[in-house]
PDB file of all heavy atoms in Angstrom:
ATOM      1  N   CYS A   1      81.315-102.423  90.828  1.00  0.00           N
ATOM      2  CA  CYS A   1      81.616-100.989  90.825  1.00  0.00           C
ATOM      3  C   CYS A   1      80.321-100.174  90.914  1.00  0.00           C
ATOM      4  O   CYS A   1      80.251 -99.172  91.644  1.00  0.00           O
ATOM      5  CB  CYS A   1      82.376-100.604  89.554  1.00  0.00           C
ATOM      6  SG  CYS A   1      84.059-101.282  89.494  1.00  0.00           S
ATOM      7  N   ALA A   2      79.308-100.617  90.160  1.00  0.00           N
ATOM      8  CA  ALA A   2      78.033 -99.884  90.180  1.00  0.00           C
ATOM      9  C   ALA A   2      77.392 -99.941  91.556  1.00  0.00           C
ATOM     10  O   ALA A   2      76.922 -98.938  92.084  1.00  0.00           O
ATOM     11  CB  ALA A   2      77.082-100.468  89.132  1.00  0.00           C
ATOM     12  N   TYR A   3      77.387-101.152  92.196  1.00  0.00           N
ATOM     13  CA  TYR A   3      76.780-101.272  93.520  1.00  0.00           C
ATOM     14  C   TYR A   3      77.525-100.436  94.554  1.00  0.00           C
ATOM     15  O   TYR A   3      76.930 -99.791  95.404  1.00  0.00           O
ATOM     16  CB  TYR A   3      76.781-102.733  93.974  1.00  0.00           C
ATOM     17  CG  TYR A   3      75.810-103.611  93.189  1.00  0.00           C
ATOM     18  CD1 TYR A   3      76.021-104.977  93.030  1.00  0.00           C
ATOM     19  CD2 TYR A   3      74.669-103.053  92.594  1.00  0.00           C
ATOM     20  CE1 TYR A   3      75.143-105.776  92.323  1.00  0.00           C
ATOM     21  CE2 TYR A   3      73.787-103.840  91.893  1.00  0.00           C
ATOM     22  CZ  TYR A   3      74.014-105.194  91.753  1.00  0.00           C
ATOM     23  OH  TYR A   3      73.138-105.967  91.070  1.00  0.00           O
ATOM     24  N   ILE A   4      78.875-100.449  94.490  1.00  0.00           N
ATOM     25  CA  ILE A   4      79.675 -99.667  95.442  1.00  0.00           C
ATOM     26  C   ILE A   4      79.435 -98.185  95.224  1.00  0.00           C
ATOM     27  O   ILE A   4      79.303 -97.413  96.171  1.00  0.00           O
ATOM     28  CB  ILE A   4      81.162-100.021  95.308  1.00  0.00           C
ATOM     29  CG1 ILE A   4      81.402-101.490  95.715  1.00  0.00           C
ATOM     30  CG2 ILE A   4      82.026 -99.090  96.165  1.00  0.00           C
ATOM     31  CD1 ILE A   4      82.771-102.009  95.389  1.00  0.00           C
ATOM     32  N   TYR A   5      79.376 -97.775  93.934  1.00  0.00           N
ATOM     33  CA  TYR A   5      79.129 -96.358  93.638  1.00  0.00           C
ATOM     34  C   TYR A   5      77.774 -95.916  94.196  1.00  0.00           C
ATOM     35  O   TYR A   5      77.600 -94.789  94.660  1.00  0.00           O
ATOM     36  CB  TYR A   5      79.161 -96.153  92.130  1.00  0.00           C
ATOM     37  CG  TYR A   5      78.651 -94.793  91.708  1.00  0.00           C
ATOM     38  CD1 TYR A   5      79.361 -93.651  92.001  1.00  0.00           C
ATOM     39  CD2 TYR A   5      77.414 -94.664  91.059  1.00  0.00           C
ATOM     40  CE1 TYR A   5      78.897 -92.401  91.644  1.00  0.00           C
ATOM     41  CE2 TYR A   5      76.933 -93.411  90.704  1.00  0.00           C
ATOM     42  CZ  TYR A   5      77.666 -92.279  90.985  1.00  0.00           C
ATOM     43  OH  TYR A   5      77.175 -91.043  90.647  1.00  0.00           O
ATOM     44  N   LEU A   6      76.792 -96.847  94.196  1.00  0.00           N
ATOM     45  CA  LEU A   6      75.462 -96.508  94.713  1.00  0.00           C
ATOM     46  C   LEU A   6      75.431 -96.451  96.240  1.00  0.00           C
ATOM     47  O   LEU A   6      74.417 -96.116  96.829  1.00  0.00           O
ATOM     48  CB  LEU A   6      74.441 -97.547  94.237  1.00  0.00           C
ATOM     49  CG  LEU A   6      74.148 -97.520  92.728  1.00  0.00           C
ATOM     50  CD1 LEU A   6      73.299 -98.692  92.338  1.00  0.00           C
ATOM     51  CD2 LEU A   6      73.481 -96.214  92.339  1.00  0.00           C
ATOM     52  N   GLY A   7      76.545 -96.763  96.897  1.00  0.00           N
ATOM     53  CA  GLY A   7      76.595 -96.628  98.348  1.00  0.00           C
ATOM     54  C   GLY A   7      76.179 -97.880  99.103  1.00  0.00           C
ATOM     55  O   GLY A   7      75.922 -97.827 100.291  1.00  0.00           O
ATOM     56  N   MET A   8      76.066 -99.017  98.419  1.00  0.00           N
ATOM     57  CA  MET A   8      75.663-100.247  99.116  1.00  0.00           C
ATOM     58  C   MET A   8      76.839-100.765  99.946  1.00  0.00           C
ATOM     59  O   MET A   8      77.986-100.742  99.495  1.00  0.00           O
ATOM     60  CB  MET A   8      75.229-101.316  98.114  1.00  0.00           C
ATOM     61  CG  MET A   8      73.957-100.950  97.356  1.00  0.00           C
ATOM     62  SD  MET A   8      73.431-102.325  96.303  1.00  0.00           S
ATOM     63  CE  MET A   8      71.996-101.609  95.520  1.00  0.00           C
ATOM     64  N   ASP A   9      76.563-101.249 101.171  1.00  0.00           N
ATOM     65  CA  ASP A   9      77.622-101.787 102.003  1.00  0.00           C
ATOM     66  C   ASP A   9      77.813-103.271 101.695  1.00  0.00           C
ATOM     67  O   ASP A   9      77.138-103.859 100.839  1.00  0.00           O
ATOM     68  CB  ASP A   9      77.331-101.569 103.492  1.00  0.00           C
ATOM     69  CG  ASP A   9      76.025-102.226 103.925  1.00  0.00           C
ATOM     70  OD1 ASP A   9      75.589-103.217 103.290  1.00  0.00           O
ATOM     71  OD2 ASP A   9      75.445-101.769 104.909  1.00  0.00           O
ATOM     72  N   THR A  10      78.773-103.851 102.398  1.00  0.00           N
ATOM     73  CA  THR A  10      79.156-105.243 102.115  1.00  0.00           C
ATOM     74  C   THR A  10      77.988-106.213 102.271  1.00  0.00           C
ATOM     75  O   THR A  10      77.757-107.078 101.432  1.00  0.00           O
ATOM     76  CB  THR A  10      80.300-105.648 103.062  1.00  0.00           C
ATOM     77  OG1 THR A  10      81.417-104.797 102.817  1.00  0.00           O
ATOM     78  CG2 THR A  10      80.709-107.092 102.835  1.00  0.00           C
ATOM     79  N   LYS A  11      77.180-106.055 103.331  1.00  0.00           N
ATOM     80  CA  LYS A  11      76.065-106.991 103.564  1.00  0.00           C
ATOM     81  C   LYS A  11      75.004-106.855 102.473  1.00  0.00           C
ATOM     82  O   LYS A  11      74.428-107.841 102.016  1.00  0.00           O
ATOM     83  CB  LYS A  11      75.450-106.720 104.934  1.00  0.00           C
ATOM     84  CG  LYS A  11      76.322-107.183 106.086  1.00  0.00           C
ATOM     85  CD  LYS A  11      75.601-106.993 107.413  1.00  0.00           C
ATOM     86  CE  LYS A  11      76.447-107.486 108.580  1.00  0.00           C
ATOM     87  NZ  LYS A  11      75.767-107.297 109.863  1.00  0.00           N
ATOM     88  N   GLN A  12      74.707-105.615 102.054  1.00  0.00           N
ATOM     89  CA  GLN A  12      73.685-105.415 101.019  1.00  0.00           C
ATOM     90  C   GLN A  12      74.112-106.088  99.704  1.00  0.00           C
ATOM     91  O   GLN A  12      73.313-106.736  99.024  1.00  0.00           O
ATOM     92  CB  GLN A  12      73.456-103.923 100.807  1.00  0.00           C
ATOM     93  CG  GLN A  12      72.724-103.241 101.954  1.00  0.00           C
ATOM     94  CD  GLN A  12      72.636-101.741 101.774  1.00  0.00           C
ATOM     95  OE1 GLN A  12      73.604-101.111 101.381  1.00  0.00           O
ATOM     96  NE2 GLN A  12      71.485-101.178 102.042  1.00  0.00           N
ATOM     97  N   ILE A  13      75.400-105.919  99.312  1.00  0.00           N
ATOM     98  CA  ILE A  13      75.889-106.513  98.062  1.00  0.00           C
ATOM     99  C   ILE A  13      75.848-108.039  98.171  1.00  0.00           C
ATOM    100  O   ILE A  13      75.438-108.735  97.244  1.00  0.00           O
ATOM    101  CB  ILE A  13      77.306-106.010  97.742  1.00  0.00           C
ATOM    102  CG1 ILE A  13      77.279-104.493  97.494  1.00  0.00           C
ATOM    103  CG2 ILE A  13      77.873-106.725  96.530  1.00  0.00           C
ATOM    104  CD1 ILE A  13      78.648-103.877  97.313  1.00  0.00           C
ATOM    105  N   ALA A  14      76.269-108.554  99.353  1.00  0.00           N
ATOM    106  CA  ALA A  14      76.269-110.008  99.542  1.00  0.00           C
ATOM    107  C   ALA A  14      74.863-110.573  99.425  1.00  0.00           C
ATOM    108  O   ALA A  14      74.639-111.592  98.784  1.00  0.00           O
ATOM    109  CB  ALA A  14      76.870-110.349 100.899  1.00  0.00           C
ATOM    110  N   ASN A  15      73.882-109.926 100.043  1.00  0.00           N
ATOM    111  CA  ASN A  15      72.491-110.388  99.981  1.00  0.00           C
ATOM    112  C   ASN A  15      71.952-110.316  98.556  1.00  0.00           C
ATOM    113  O   ASN A  15      71.233-111.199  98.097  1.00  0.00           O
ATOM    114  CB  ASN A  15      71.610-109.557 100.908  1.00  0.00           C
ATOM    115  CG  ASN A  15      71.885-109.856 102.374  1.00  0.00           C
ATOM    116  OD1 ASN A  15      72.328-110.962 102.700  1.00  0.00           O
ATOM    117  ND2 ASN A  15      71.657-108.891 103.248  1.00  0.00           N
ATOM    118  N   LEU A  16      72.292-109.239  97.854  1.00  0.00           N
ATOM    119  CA  LEU A  16      71.766-109.045  96.507  1.00  0.00           C
ATOM    120  C   LEU A  16      72.310-110.090  95.534  1.00  0.00           C
ATOM    121  O   LEU A  16      71.596-110.583  94.656  1.00  0.00           O
ATOM    122  CB  LEU A  16      72.114-107.629  96.023  1.00  0.00           C
ATOM    123  CG  LEU A  16      71.461-107.176  94.729  1.00  0.00           C
ATOM    124  CD1 LEU A  16      69.941-107.211  94.825  1.00  0.00           C
ATOM    125  CD2 LEU A  16      71.923-105.778  94.354  1.00  0.00           C
ATOM    126  N   LEU A  17      73.604-110.437  95.713  1.00  0.00           N
ATOM    127  CA  LEU A  17      74.237-111.378  94.782  1.00  0.00           C
ATOM    128  C   LEU A  17      74.234-112.810  95.314  1.00  0.00           C
ATOM    129  O   LEU A  17      74.781-113.713  94.676  1.00  0.00           O
ATOM    130  CB  LEU A  17      75.674-110.935  94.513  1.00  0.00           C
ATOM    131  CG  LEU A  17      75.834-109.563  93.827  1.00  0.00           C
ATOM    132  CD1 LEU A  17      77.304-109.236  93.639  1.00  0.00           C
ATOM    133  CD2 LEU A  17      75.104-109.522  92.485  1.00  0.00           C
ATOM    134  N   ASN A  18      73.619-113.000  96.554  1.00  0.00           N
ATOM    135  CA  ASN A  18      73.568-114.339  97.153  1.00  0.00           C
ATOM    136  C   ASN A  18      74.969-114.934  97.338  1.00  0.00           C
ATOM    137  O   ASN A  18      75.236-116.087  96.986  1.00  0.00           O
ATOM    138  CB  ASN A  18      72.699-115.282  96.327  1.00  0.00           C
ATOM    139  CG  ASN A  18      71.224-114.952  96.480  1.00  0.00           C
ATOM    140  OD1 ASN A  18      70.795-114.522  97.556  1.00  0.00           O
ATOM    141  ND2 ASN A  18      70.445-115.114  95.434  1.00  0.00           N
ATOM    142  N   VAL A  19      75.901-114.128  97.833  1.00  0.00           N
ATOM    143  CA  VAL A  19      77.252-114.597  98.128  1.00  0.00           C
ATOM    144  C   VAL A  19      77.575-114.265  99.569  1.00  0.00           C
ATOM    145  O   VAL A  19      76.864-113.520 100.217  1.00  0.00           O
ATOM    146  CB  VAL A  19      78.286-113.955  97.185  1.00  0.00           C
ATOM    147  CG1 VAL A  19      78.009-114.349  95.737  1.00  0.00           C
ATOM    148  CG2 VAL A  19      78.287-112.446  97.322  1.00  0.00           C
ATOM    149  N   GLU A  20      78.659-114.793 100.060  1.00  0.00           N
ATOM    150  CA  GLU A  20      79.093-114.521 101.418  1.00  0.00           C
ATOM    151  C   GLU A  20      79.706-113.121 101.502  1.00  0.00           C
ATOM    152  O   GLU A  20      80.334-112.660 100.530  1.00  0.00           O
ATOM    153  CB  GLU A  20      80.139-115.553 101.863  1.00  0.00           C
ATOM    154  CG  GLU A  20      79.601-116.969 101.964  1.00  0.00           C
ATOM    155  CD  GLU A  20      78.638-117.102 103.124  1.00  0.00           C
ATOM    156  OE1 GLU A  20      78.740-116.299 104.060  1.00  0.00           O
ATOM    157  OE2 GLU A  20      77.775-117.985 103.061  1.00  0.00           O
ATOM    158  N   PRO A  21      79.551-112.419 102.643  1.00  0.00           N
ATOM    159  CA  PRO A  21      80.204-111.120 102.820  1.00  0.00           C
ATOM    160  C   PRO A  21      81.708-111.206 102.619  1.00  0.00           C
ATOM    161  O   PRO A  21      82.329-110.285 102.117  1.00  0.00           O
ATOM    162  CB  PRO A  21      79.842-110.750 104.260  1.00  0.00           C
ATOM    163  CG  PRO A  21      78.559-111.456 104.508  1.00  0.00           C
ATOM    164  CD  PRO A  21      78.656-112.735 103.759  1.00  0.00           C
ATOM    165  N   LYS A  22      82.276-112.338 102.997  1.00  0.00           N
ATOM    166  CA  LYS A  22      83.712-112.495 102.813  1.00  0.00           C
ATOM    167  C   LYS A  22      84.085-112.407 101.345  1.00  0.00           C
ATOM    168  O   LYS A  22      85.089-111.808 100.974  1.00  0.00           O
ATOM    169  CB  LYS A  22      84.139-113.844 103.400  1.00  0.00           C
ATOM    170  CG  LYS A  22      85.630-114.136 103.249  1.00  0.00           C
ATOM    171  CD  LYS A  22      85.994-115.454 103.910  1.00  0.00           C
ATOM    172  CE  LYS A  22      87.493-115.754 103.736  1.00  0.00           C
ATOM    173  NZ  LYS A  22      87.859-117.023 104.356  1.00  0.00           N
ATOM    174  N   SER A  23      83.262-113.011 100.473  1.00  0.00           N
ATOM    175  CA  SER A  23      83.507-112.944  99.029  1.00  0.00           C
ATOM    176  C   SER A  23      83.455-111.508  98.525  1.00  0.00           C
ATOM    177  O   SER A  23      84.252-111.081  97.693  1.00  0.00           O
ATOM    178  CB  SER A  23      82.478-113.808  98.291  1.00  0.00           C
ATOM    179  OG  SER A  23      82.633-113.679  96.896  1.00  0.00           O
ATOM    180  N   VAL A  24      82.507-110.730  99.069  1.00  0.00           N
ATOM    181  CA  VAL A  24      82.396-109.320  98.656  1.00  0.00           C
ATOM    182  C   VAL A  24      83.636-108.557  99.067  1.00  0.00           C
ATOM    183  O   VAL A  24      84.180-107.755  98.302  1.00  0.00           O
ATOM    184  CB  VAL A  24      81.136-108.677  99.269  1.00  0.00           C
ATOM    185  CG1 VAL A  24      81.081-107.201  98.922  1.00  0.00           C
ATOM    186  CG2 VAL A  24      79.885-109.383  98.762  1.00  0.00           C
ATOM    187  N   ARG A  25      84.105-108.795 100.323  1.00  0.00           N
ATOM    188  CA  ARG A  25      85.297-108.076 100.775  1.00  0.00           C
ATOM    189  C   ARG A  25      86.509-108.441  99.928  1.00  0.00           C
ATOM    190  O   ARG A  25      87.345-107.576  99.627  1.00  0.00           O
ATOM    191  CB  ARG A  25      85.552-108.397 102.249  1.00  0.00           C
ATOM    192  CG  ARG A  25      84.554-107.731 103.207  1.00  0.00           C
ATOM    193  CD  ARG A  25      85.028-107.800 104.648  1.00  0.00           C
ATOM    194  NE  ARG A  25      84.945-109.161 105.173  1.00  0.00           N
ATOM    195  CZ  ARG A  25      83.890-109.646 105.791  1.00  0.00           C
ATOM    196  NH1 ARG A  25      82.839-108.889 106.011  1.00  0.00           N
ATOM    197  NH2 ARG A  25      83.873-110.899 106.232  1.00  0.00           N
ATOM    198  N   MET A  26      86.640-109.721  99.546  1.00  0.00           N
ATOM    199  CA  MET A  26      87.759-110.124  98.701  1.00  0.00           C
ATOM    200  C   MET A  26      87.674-109.452  97.332  1.00  0.00           C
ATOM    201  O   MET A  26      88.676-109.037  96.752  1.00  0.00           O
ATOM    202  CB  MET A  26      87.770-111.656  98.559  1.00  0.00           C
ATOM    203  CG  MET A  26      88.139-112.385  99.840  1.00  0.00           C
ATOM    204  SD  MET A  26      89.769-111.914 100.472  1.00  0.00           S
ATOM    205  CE  MET A  26      90.823-112.469  99.128  1.00  0.00           C
ATOM    206  N   THR A  27      86.448-109.353  96.810  1.00  0.00           N
ATOM    207  CA  THR A  27      86.265-108.684  95.508  1.00  0.00           C
ATOM    208  C   THR A  27      86.647-107.215  95.611  1.00  0.00           C
ATOM    209  O   THR A  27      87.292-106.648  94.716  1.00  0.00           O
ATOM    210  CB  THR A  27      84.808-108.818  95.038  1.00  0.00           C
ATOM    211  OG1 THR A  27      84.481-110.205  94.943  1.00  0.00           O
ATOM    212  CG2 THR A  27      84.638-108.178  93.667  1.00  0.00           C
ATOM    213  N   LYS A  28      86.269-106.559  96.718  1.00  0.00           N
ATOM    214  CA  LYS A  28      86.657-105.159  96.912  1.00  0.00           C
ATOM    215  C   LYS A  28      88.174-105.024  96.951  1.00  0.00           C
ATOM    216  O   LYS A  28      88.746-104.101  96.380  1.00  0.00           O
ATOM    217  CB  LYS A  28      86.050-104.619  98.212  1.00  0.00           C
ATOM    218  CG  LYS A  28      84.559-104.360  98.141  1.00  0.00           C
ATOM    219  CD  LYS A  28      84.072-103.749  99.451  1.00  0.00           C
ATOM    220  CE  LYS A  28      82.606-103.382  99.395  1.00  0.00           C
ATOM    221  NZ  LYS A  28      82.151-102.777 100.655  1.00  0.00           N
ATOM    222  N   TYR A  29      88.815-105.972  97.650  1.00  0.00           N
ATOM    223  CA  TYR A  29      90.272-105.933  97.736  1.00  0.00           C
ATOM    224  C   TYR A  29      90.882-106.103  96.348  1.00  0.00           C
ATOM    225  O   TYR A  29      91.817-105.404  95.965  1.00  0.00           O
ATOM    226  CB  TYR A  29      90.727-107.046  98.686  1.00  0.00           C
ATOM    227  CG  TYR A  29      92.229-107.173  98.810  1.00  0.00           C
ATOM    228  CD1 TYR A  29      92.954-106.281  99.615  1.00  0.00           C
ATOM    229  CD2 TYR A  29      92.925-108.167  98.127  1.00  0.00           C
ATOM    230  CE1 TYR A  29      94.333-106.388  99.725  1.00  0.00           C
ATOM    231  CE2 TYR A  29      94.304-108.272  98.236  1.00  0.00           C
ATOM    232  CZ  TYR A  29      95.013-107.381  99.033  1.00  0.00           C
ATOM    233  OH  TYR A  29      96.361-107.482  99.136  1.00  0.00           O
ATOM    234  N   ARG A  30      90.305-107.038  95.553  1.00  0.00           N
ATOM    235  CA  ARG A  30      90.813-107.266  94.190  1.00  0.00           C
ATOM    236  C   ARG A  30      90.604-106.041  93.304  1.00  0.00           C
ATOM    237  O   ARG A  30      91.466-105.673  92.507  1.00  0.00           O
ATOM    238  CB  ARG A  30      90.086-108.479  93.604  1.00  0.00           C
ATOM    239  CG  ARG A  30      90.515-108.830  92.186  1.00  0.00           C
ATOM    240  CD  ARG A  30      89.955-110.185  91.774  1.00  0.00           C
ATOM    241  NE  ARG A  30      88.537-110.291  91.991  1.00  0.00           N
ATOM    242  CZ  ARG A  30      87.624-109.738  91.199  1.00  0.00           C
ATOM    243  NH1 ARG A  30      87.977-109.063  90.124  1.00  0.00           N
ATOM    244  NH2 ARG A  30      86.338-109.883  91.475  1.00  0.00           N
ATOM    245  N   LEU A  31      89.460-105.364  93.465  1.00  0.00           N
ATOM    246  CA  LEU A  31      89.200-104.145  92.675  1.00  0.00           C
ATOM    247  C   LEU A  31      90.194-103.046  93.012  1.00  0.00           C
ATOM    248  O   LEU A  31      90.636-102.302  92.135  1.00  0.00           O
ATOM    249  CB  LEU A  31      87.770-103.660  92.925  1.00  0.00           C
ATOM    250  CG  LEU A  31      86.664-104.472  92.245  1.00  0.00           C
ATOM    251  CD1 LEU A  31      85.302-103.991  92.720  1.00  0.00           C
ATOM    252  CD2 LEU A  31      86.762-104.361  90.722  1.00  0.00           C
ATOM    253  N   LYS A  32      90.547-102.923  94.320  1.00  0.00           N
ATOM    254  CA  LYS A  32      91.541-101.915  94.686  1.00  0.00           C
ATOM    255  C   LYS A  32      92.865-102.182  93.972  1.00  0.00           C
ATOM    256  O   LYS A  32      93.544-101.252  93.527  1.00  0.00           O
ATOM    257  CB  LYS A  32      91.743-101.919  96.206  1.00  0.00           C
ATOM    258  CG  LYS A  32      90.611-101.259  96.993  1.00  0.00           C
ATOM    259  CD  LYS A  32      90.972-101.140  98.459  1.00  0.00           C
ATOM    260  CE  LYS A  32      89.867-100.423  99.241  1.00  0.00           C
ATOM    261  NZ  LYS A  32      90.230-100.262 100.655  1.00  0.00           N
ATOM    262  N   LYS A  33      93.235-103.456  93.878  1.00  0.00           N
ATOM    263  CA  LYS A  33      94.463-103.804  93.172  1.00  0.00           C
ATOM    264  C   LYS A  33      94.354-103.442  91.695  1.00  0.00           C
ATOM    265  O   LYS A  33      95.303-102.935  91.084  1.00  0.00           O
ATOM    266  CB  LYS A  33      94.745-105.303  93.324  1.00  0.00           C
ATOM    267  CG  LYS A  33      95.068-105.729  94.759  1.00  0.00           C
ATOM    268  CD  LYS A  33      96.346-105.086  95.239  1.00  0.00           C
ATOM    269  CE  LYS A  33      96.714-105.583  96.637  1.00  0.00           C
ATOM    270  NZ  LYS A  33      97.939-104.898  97.131  1.00  0.00           N
ATOM    271  N   LYS A  34      93.189-103.706  91.087  1.00  0.00           N
ATOM    272  CA  LYS A  34      93.013-103.402  89.662  1.00  0.00           C
ATOM    273  C   LYS A  34      93.067-101.904  89.392  1.00  0.00           C
ATOM    274  O   LYS A  34      93.458-101.486  88.304  1.00  0.00           O
ATOM    275  CB  LYS A  34      91.692-103.984  89.155  1.00  0.00           C
ATOM    276  CG  LYS A  34      91.708-105.503  89.016  1.00  0.00           C
ATOM    277  CD  LYS A  34      90.509-106.013  88.210  1.00  0.00           C
ATOM    278  CE  LYS A  34      90.612-107.510  87.960  1.00  0.00           C
ATOM    279  NZ  LYS A  34      89.543-108.014  87.092  1.00  0.00           N
ATOM    280  N   PHE A  35      92.669-101.119  90.355  1.00  0.00           N
ATOM    281  CA  PHE A  35      92.714 -99.662  90.174  1.00  0.00           C
ATOM    282  C   PHE A  35      93.992 -99.057  90.740  1.00  0.00           C
ATOM    283  O   PHE A  35      94.206 -97.846  90.651  1.00  0.00           O
ATOM    284  CB  PHE A  35      91.505 -98.997  90.845  1.00  0.00           C
ATOM    285  CG  PHE A  35      90.215 -99.186  90.092  1.00  0.00           C
ATOM    286  CD1 PHE A  35      89.247-100.050  90.576  1.00  0.00           C
ATOM    287  CD2 PHE A  35      89.978 -98.520  88.909  1.00  0.00           C
ATOM    288  CE1 PHE A  35      88.062-100.226  89.896  1.00  0.00           C
ATOM    289  CE2 PHE A  35      88.799 -98.690  88.226  1.00  0.00           C
ATOM    290  CZ  PHE A  35      87.832 -99.556  88.713  1.00  0.00           C
ATOM    291  N   GLY A  36      94.849 -99.898  91.351  1.00  0.00           N
ATOM    292  CA  GLY A  36      96.102 -99.388  91.879  1.00  0.00           C
ATOM    293  C   GLY A  36      95.909 -98.496  93.089  1.00  0.00           C
ATOM    294  O   GLY A  36      96.627 -97.516  93.261  1.00  0.00           O
TER     295      GLY A  36
END
């Protein structure tokens, strides 16, 4: 949430956390569900 609020895109978050962009997109999708 903090990284998204700071305006980081999917590639920046993936690079920072050393994960695949696909994992970041899935996490974003899961967060949308958690916030309804």
